[in-house]
Amino acid sequence: MPAGSQPGPPPPPPPAPPALAPLPPPQVSTKVSPVKLHKHQTKTKLTPVEAVNQALDRFTKLNQSLADYKFLCYNHHRDPLLQEGPQCGLVALTMAGTSKGERLEVEEVQREAITRGFTFRGEMFSVGDMAELARSSLDREARVEDIGMMKDYSWLLDTLTSGHILLVPYDCGHNHSPALYGGKKAHWALITGFVIAGKHLETKNIKQYLLKESVGNNLVIDTNLDAVPAVKEFAQQKTAKTYLIARQSKSLVMGIWDIIDLIDSNSNLVDIESGKEEEYVIPVGGVKAGLGDKFVVLFNN
């Protein structure tokens, strides 16, 4: 630098790096388990007749064309039980085994299912395994049947009026009723009774078996064996149509389902969501071999 010269101004500072965009908030699952979703509703227990009336009220709202029909209801009541995690089949089995003050715990059934290699976390993809678990957990006879048996309405009514109940895998739709997703929404239902619907049904032989608390056209029948002949006579009337009463572990309200819808839903169980095969115990032959075209009859010992 020449003598006497003055230093120039310092160079400007380098430009600041561009501000980084804020990190997005961590992803939080919005999926709420049925137990948490319905927590506020589990305090009040409905009577068997109240439960049927509630189910029929929902059913007629969803099927306005049936609003002025009469409904004869025959049901082996089970209190609702909600699932926590992928344990819908185990919850259905627990509901089946809980009656008349006896209490079976889901955790107990799940421990046994895991110990026996039927499941990793609670999922059940084999009707045969479910029948075996029913025998050991409930000490009751259980038999695997072809889904085609449910098309025989005489067999179906005989089975349910004998006190037996059914464990049926199906695809669960948005309102928990049977749907067709090819097995990607596979779920388990407990079939505990039936509803006979008709516009002009003769009720004179039924009246002596009616339970109190029925509402409107809802005729709720005592499940004692004396009522069975009158129930079957009622079902044979020309204008009658039979539906099934179902419990499943995502809702506290019973479902009333078309029999053919349930059969078709069961028959369409062929696969699960892609990439999830390693998360579950899938039987040899896949989902179709384990769940499709079959169900469990749980006997009333």
Protein backbone atom coordinates (compact mmCIF):
# COMPACT_ATOMS: atom_id res chain seq x y z
CA MET A 1 0.00 0.00 0.00
CA PRO A 2 1.57 3.39 -0.96
CA ALA A 3 2.72 5.57 1.97
CA GLY A 4 0.12 7.98 3.21
CA SER A 5 -2.78 6.19 1.49
CA GLN A 6 -5.85 5.41 3.58
CA PRO A 7 -7.26 1.82 3.77
CA GLY A 8 -10.49 1.38 1.88
CA PRO A 9 -13.70 0.31 3.52
CA PRO A 10 -13.90 -3.35 4.57
CA PRO A 11 -15.61 -5.70 2.11
CA PRO A 12 -19.31 -6.25 2.73
CA PRO A 13 -20.17 -9.35 4.74
CA PRO A 14 -21.26 -12.36 2.73
CA PRO A 15 -25.01 -12.62 2.21
CA ALA A 16 -26.89 -14.54 4.89
CA PRO A 17 -27.91 -18.04 3.87
CA PRO A 18 -31.58 -18.31 2.93
CA ALA A 19 -33.80 -19.02 5.90
CA LEU A 20 -34.62 -22.69 6.23
CA ALA A 21 -38.28 -23.61 5.95
CA PRO A 22 -39.68 -24.73 9.31
CA LEU A 23 -39.83 -28.47 9.73
CA PRO A 24 -43.34 -29.91 9.41
CA PRO A 25 -44.85 -31.08 12.67
CA PRO A 26 -44.42 -34.79 13.35
CA GLN A 27 -47.10 -36.98 11.83
CA VAL A 28 -49.62 -37.98 14.45
CA SER A 29 -51.99 -40.82 13.68
CA THR A 30 -55.62 -39.69 13.69
CA LYS A 31 -56.87 -43.25 14.01
CA VAL A 32 -58.65 -43.70 17.32
CA SER A 33 -59.23 -47.16 18.73
CA PRO A 34 -62.88 -48.17 19.21
CA VAL A 35 -62.26 -48.38 22.98
CA LYS A 36 -61.20 -44.70 23.14
CA LEU A 37 -63.76 -43.56 20.60
CA HIS A 38 -66.69 -44.98 22.57
CA LYS A 39 -65.25 -44.54 26.07
CA HIS A 40 -67.97 -42.08 27.10
CA GLN A 41 -70.71 -44.53 26.04
CA THR A 42 -69.59 -47.66 27.85
CA LYS A 43 -70.92 -46.69 31.28
CA THR A 44 -74.57 -47.54 30.63
CA LYS A 45 -75.51 -51.12 29.96
CA LEU A 46 -78.60 -51.75 27.86
CA THR A 47 -81.05 -54.49 28.67
CA PRO A 48 -81.43 -57.21 26.01
CA VAL A 49 -84.67 -55.63 24.76
CA GLU A 50 -83.22 -52.11 24.75
CA ALA A 51 -80.26 -53.36 22.70
CA VAL A 52 -82.58 -54.91 20.10
CA ASN A 53 -84.76 -51.78 19.95
CA GLN A 54 -81.66 -49.62 19.44
CA ALA A 55 -80.45 -51.87 16.61
CA LEU A 56 -83.86 -51.87 14.92
CA ASP A 57 -84.13 -48.10 15.18
CA ARG A 58 -80.80 -47.75 13.37
CA PHE A 59 -81.75 -50.44 10.84
CA THR A 60 -85.05 -48.80 9.86
CA LYS A 61 -83.39 -45.38 9.55
CA LEU A 62 -80.92 -46.91 7.11
CA ASN A 63 -83.74 -48.79 5.31
CA GLN A 64 -86.65 -46.37 5.09
CA SER A 65 -88.68 -48.79 2.95
CA LEU A 66 -89.02 -51.05 6.02
CA ALA A 67 -90.23 -48.34 8.39
CA ASP A 68 -93.81 -49.72 8.61
CA TYR A 69 -92.81 -53.41 8.84
CA LYS A 70 -93.24 -55.62 11.89
CA PHE A 71 -90.06 -57.19 13.30
CA LEU A 72 -89.87 -60.38 15.31
CA CYS A 73 -86.53 -60.52 17.12
CA TYR A 74 -84.97 -63.63 18.64
CA ASN A 75 -81.55 -63.02 20.14
CA HIS A 76 -79.10 -64.53 22.63
CA HIS A 77 -77.93 -61.30 24.21
CA ARG A 78 -74.25 -60.51 24.59
CA ASP A 79 -72.97 -57.23 25.99
CA PRO A 80 -70.81 -55.27 23.54
CA LEU A 81 -67.03 -55.38 23.82
CA LEU A 82 -64.67 -53.14 21.84
CA GLN A 83 -61.27 -54.00 20.41
CA GLU A 84 -57.96 -52.35 21.30
CA GLY A 85 -55.61 -53.13 18.43
CA PRO A 86 -55.95 -55.92 15.83
CA GLN A 87 -57.94 -58.34 17.96
CA CYS A 88 -61.42 -58.33 16.43
CA GLY A 89 -61.69 -62.13 16.27
CA LEU A 90 -60.52 -62.56 19.86
CA VAL A 91 -63.01 -59.94 21.04
CA ALA A 92 -65.83 -61.69 19.14
CA LEU A 93 -64.84 -64.98 20.76
CA THR A 94 -64.70 -63.32 24.20
CA MET A 95 -68.19 -61.86 23.71
CA ALA A 96 -69.41 -65.32 22.72
CA GLY A 97 -68.05 -66.81 25.94
CA THR A 98 -69.31 -64.08 28.27
CA SER A 99 -72.86 -64.59 29.48
CA LYS A 100 -74.99 -65.08 32.58
CA GLY A 101 -72.54 -63.32 34.84
CA GLU A 102 -69.50 -65.23 33.58
CA ARG A 103 -66.65 -62.99 32.47
CA LEU A 104 -63.96 -64.01 30.03
CA GLU A 105 -61.08 -61.56 29.48
CA VAL A 106 -59.72 -60.67 26.03
CA GLU A 107 -56.15 -60.59 27.38
CA GLU A 108 -56.53 -64.16 28.59
CA VAL A 109 -57.74 -65.37 25.19
CA GLN A 110 -55.03 -63.38 23.39
CA ARG A 111 -52.27 -64.88 25.55
CA GLU A 112 -53.46 -68.36 24.70
CA ALA A 113 -53.72 -67.55 20.97
CA ILE A 114 -50.15 -66.18 20.94
CA THR A 115 -48.82 -69.13 22.94
CA ARG A 116 -50.39 -71.56 20.47
CA GLY A 117 -48.91 -69.72 17.48
CA PHE A 118 -52.29 -68.64 16.08
CA THR A 119 -51.40 -64.92 16.11
CA PHE A 120 -48.62 -62.38 16.71
CA ARG A 121 -50.64 -59.48 18.15
CA GLY A 122 -54.27 -60.60 18.13
CA GLU A 123 -55.19 -60.95 14.46
CA MET A 124 -56.84 -64.25 13.45
CA PHE A 125 -56.69 -65.36 9.81
CA SER A 126 -57.79 -68.96 10.22
CA VAL A 127 -61.30 -70.23 10.90
CA GLY A 128 -59.78 -73.58 11.93
CA ASP A 129 -57.54 -71.88 14.51
CA MET A 130 -60.53 -69.89 15.77
CA ALA A 131 -62.52 -73.09 16.31
CA GLU A 132 -59.59 -74.70 18.15
CA LEU A 133 -59.16 -71.59 20.32
CA ALA A 134 -62.90 -71.62 21.11
CA ARG A 135 -62.68 -75.24 22.26
CA SER A 136 -59.73 -74.58 24.56
CA SER A 137 -60.71 -71.11 25.86
CA LEU A 138 -64.42 -71.72 26.37
CA ASP A 139 -64.44 -75.49 26.84
CA ARG A 140 -67.24 -75.70 24.29
CA GLU A 141 -67.65 -77.64 21.08
CA ALA A 142 -66.90 -75.63 17.97
CA ARG A 143 -67.29 -76.79 14.39
CA VAL A 144 -66.17 -75.29 11.07
CA GLU A 145 -68.98 -75.14 8.49
CA ASP A 146 -69.14 -74.18 4.83
CA ILE A 147 -70.67 -70.73 4.32
CA GLY A 148 -73.24 -72.29 1.99
CA MET A 149 -74.98 -73.74 5.08
CA MET A 150 -76.27 -70.25 5.86
CA LYS A 151 -78.41 -70.34 2.71
CA ASP A 152 -80.47 -73.07 4.37
CA TYR A 153 -82.74 -70.86 6.47
CA SER A 154 -84.29 -73.84 8.22
CA TRP A 155 -80.82 -74.98 9.39
CA LEU A 156 -79.95 -71.42 10.37
CA LEU A 157 -83.05 -70.94 12.51
CA ASP A 158 -82.66 -74.40 14.07
CA THR A 159 -79.05 -73.61 14.96
CA LEU A 160 -79.75 -70.20 16.50
CA THR A 161 -82.90 -71.26 18.35
CA SER A 162 -80.89 -74.16 19.84
CA GLY A 163 -78.70 -71.57 21.57
CA HIS A 164 -75.69 -71.98 19.28
CA ILE A 165 -74.01 -68.83 17.94
CA LEU A 166 -71.80 -68.18 14.94
CA LEU A 167 -68.35 -66.64 14.46
CA VAL A 168 -68.13 -65.36 10.88
CA PRO A 169 -65.24 -63.56 9.14
CA TYR A 170 -66.28 -60.91 6.62
CA ASP A 171 -65.19 -57.63 4.99
CA CYS A 172 -66.21 -54.67 7.16
CA GLY A 173 -67.88 -51.72 5.39
CA HIS A 174 -68.04 -48.08 6.50
CA ASN A 175 -71.06 -48.73 8.74
CA HIS A 176 -69.56 -52.07 9.94
CA SER A 177 -71.93 -54.13 7.82
CA PRO A 178 -70.75 -56.72 5.25
CA ALA A 179 -68.92 -55.31 2.22
CA LEU A 180 -66.79 -56.52 -0.68
CA TYR A 181 -63.14 -55.45 -0.46
CA GLY A 182 -61.53 -58.74 -1.43
CA GLY A 183 -60.39 -59.32 2.17
CA LYS A 184 -58.59 -56.00 2.67
CA LYS A 185 -61.03 -55.03 5.46
CA ALA A 186 -61.29 -58.51 6.98
CA HIS A 187 -63.10 -58.49 10.33
CA TRP A 188 -64.95 -60.94 12.61
CA ALA A 189 -68.61 -60.90 13.62
CA LEU A 190 -70.58 -62.80 16.23
CA ILE A 191 -74.06 -63.82 15.02
CA THR A 192 -76.34 -64.13 18.04
CA GLY A 193 -79.87 -64.14 16.64
CA PHE A 194 -82.20 -63.12 13.86
CA VAL A 195 -84.95 -60.70 12.88
CA ILE A 196 -87.99 -61.72 10.85
CA ALA A 197 -89.51 -58.75 9.01
CA GLY A 198 -92.79 -58.40 7.16
CA LYS A 199 -95.58 -55.93 6.49
CA HIS A 200 -98.51 -58.19 7.34
CA LEU A 201 -97.29 -60.85 9.74
CA GLU A 202 -99.75 -62.84 11.86
CA THR A 203 -98.76 -62.50 15.54
CA LYS A 204 -101.48 -64.33 17.50
CA ASN A 205 -99.33 -67.40 18.32
CA ILE A 206 -96.38 -65.24 19.30
CA LYS A 207 -97.98 -62.84 21.78
CA GLN A 208 -97.57 -65.05 24.85
CA TYR A 209 -93.77 -65.11 24.34
CA LEU A 210 -93.22 -61.37 23.91
CA LEU A 211 -90.87 -59.61 26.30
CA LYS A 212 -91.70 -56.22 27.77
CA GLU A 213 -90.10 -52.96 26.60
CA SER A 214 -90.73 -53.62 22.91
CA VAL A 215 -91.15 -50.40 20.91
CA GLY A 216 -93.61 -49.82 18.06
CA ASN A 217 -93.58 -52.76 15.65
CA ASN A 218 -90.64 -54.49 17.40
CA LEU A 219 -91.71 -57.87 18.75
CA VAL A 220 -88.94 -59.21 20.97
CA ILE A 221 -89.30 -62.89 21.81
CA ASP A 222 -88.21 -64.78 24.88
CA THR A 223 -85.45 -67.26 23.94
CA ASN A 224 -86.88 -70.15 25.93
CA LEU A 225 -87.42 -73.39 24.01
CA ASP A 226 -91.22 -73.22 24.36
CA ALA A 227 -91.22 -70.22 22.00
CA VAL A 228 -89.33 -71.98 19.20
CA PRO A 229 -92.29 -73.63 17.38
CA ALA A 230 -94.15 -70.30 17.24
CA VAL A 231 -90.99 -68.55 16.00
CA LYS A 232 -90.55 -71.06 13.16
CA GLU A 233 -94.20 -70.76 12.20
CA PHE A 234 -93.76 -66.97 12.12
CA ALA A 235 -90.69 -67.32 9.86
CA GLN A 236 -92.62 -69.46 7.36
CA GLN A 237 -95.20 -66.78 6.62
CA LYS A 238 -95.09 -65.82 2.94
CA THR A 239 -94.31 -62.15 3.47
CA ALA A 240 -91.48 -62.79 5.97
CA LYS A 241 -87.82 -62.01 5.33
CA THR A 242 -85.09 -63.09 7.75
CA TYR A 243 -82.07 -60.97 8.74
CA LEU A 244 -79.20 -61.74 11.14
CA ILE A 245 -78.34 -59.97 14.39
CA ALA A 246 -74.59 -59.35 14.70
CA ARG A 247 -72.12 -58.02 17.21
CA GLN A 248 -68.65 -56.86 16.17
CA SER A 249 -65.91 -55.03 18.01
CA LYS A 250 -65.91 -51.58 16.38
CA SER A 251 -69.32 -50.42 17.61
CA LEU A 252 -71.56 -50.73 20.66
CA VAL A 253 -74.70 -51.02 18.52
CA MET A 254 -75.75 -54.42 17.17
CA GLY A 255 -76.03 -54.79 13.42
CA ILE A 256 -78.98 -56.26 11.51
CA TRP A 257 -77.64 -57.74 8.28
CA ASP A 258 -78.93 -59.35 5.12
CA ILE A 259 -77.93 -63.04 5.12
CA ILE A 260 -76.83 -63.09 1.47
CA ASP A 261 -74.71 -59.96 1.99
CA LEU A 262 -72.83 -61.74 4.78
CA ILE A 263 -72.38 -64.90 2.71
CA ASP A 264 -71.02 -62.90 -0.26
CA SER A 265 -68.71 -60.89 1.99
CA ASN A 266 -67.29 -64.04 3.54
CA SER A 267 -66.76 -65.64 0.13
CA ASN A 268 -64.82 -62.62 -1.13
CA LEU A 269 -62.06 -62.93 1.49
CA VAL A 270 -59.06 -63.71 -0.71
CA ASP A 271 -56.26 -61.31 0.25
CA ILE A 272 -55.05 -58.66 2.70
CA GLU A 273 -53.45 -55.24 2.22
CA SER A 274 -50.26 -55.56 0.17
CA GLY A 275 -47.04 -55.53 2.18
CA LYS A 276 -48.61 -56.57 5.47
CA GLU A 277 -48.25 -60.33 5.07
CA GLU A 278 -45.22 -60.50 7.41
CA GLU A 279 -47.16 -58.77 10.22
CA TYR A 280 -49.67 -61.60 10.55
CA VAL A 281 -49.89 -65.34 10.96
CA ILE A 282 -51.27 -66.34 7.55
CA PRO A 283 -52.12 -70.05 7.11
CA VAL A 284 -50.79 -72.19 4.28
CA GLY A 285 -52.89 -71.34 1.22
CA GLY A 286 -53.32 -67.70 2.23
CA VAL A 287 -56.32 -65.70 3.39
CA LYS A 288 -58.72 -67.54 1.08
CA ALA A 289 -57.77 -70.89 2.60
CA GLY A 290 -57.92 -69.50 6.13
CA LEU A 291 -61.08 -67.39 6.09
CA GLY A 292 -62.97 -67.68 2.82
CA ASP A 293 -66.17 -69.71 2.42
CA LYS A 294 -66.31 -70.89 6.02
CA PHE A 295 -67.35 -69.95 9.56
CA VAL A 296 -67.49 -71.39 13.09
CA VAL A 297 -70.55 -72.74 14.89
CA LEU A 298 -70.04 -72.35 18.63
CA PHE A 299 -72.23 -74.82 20.47
CA ASN A 300 -74.29 -74.15 23.55
CA ASN A 301 -72.98 -76.95 25.76
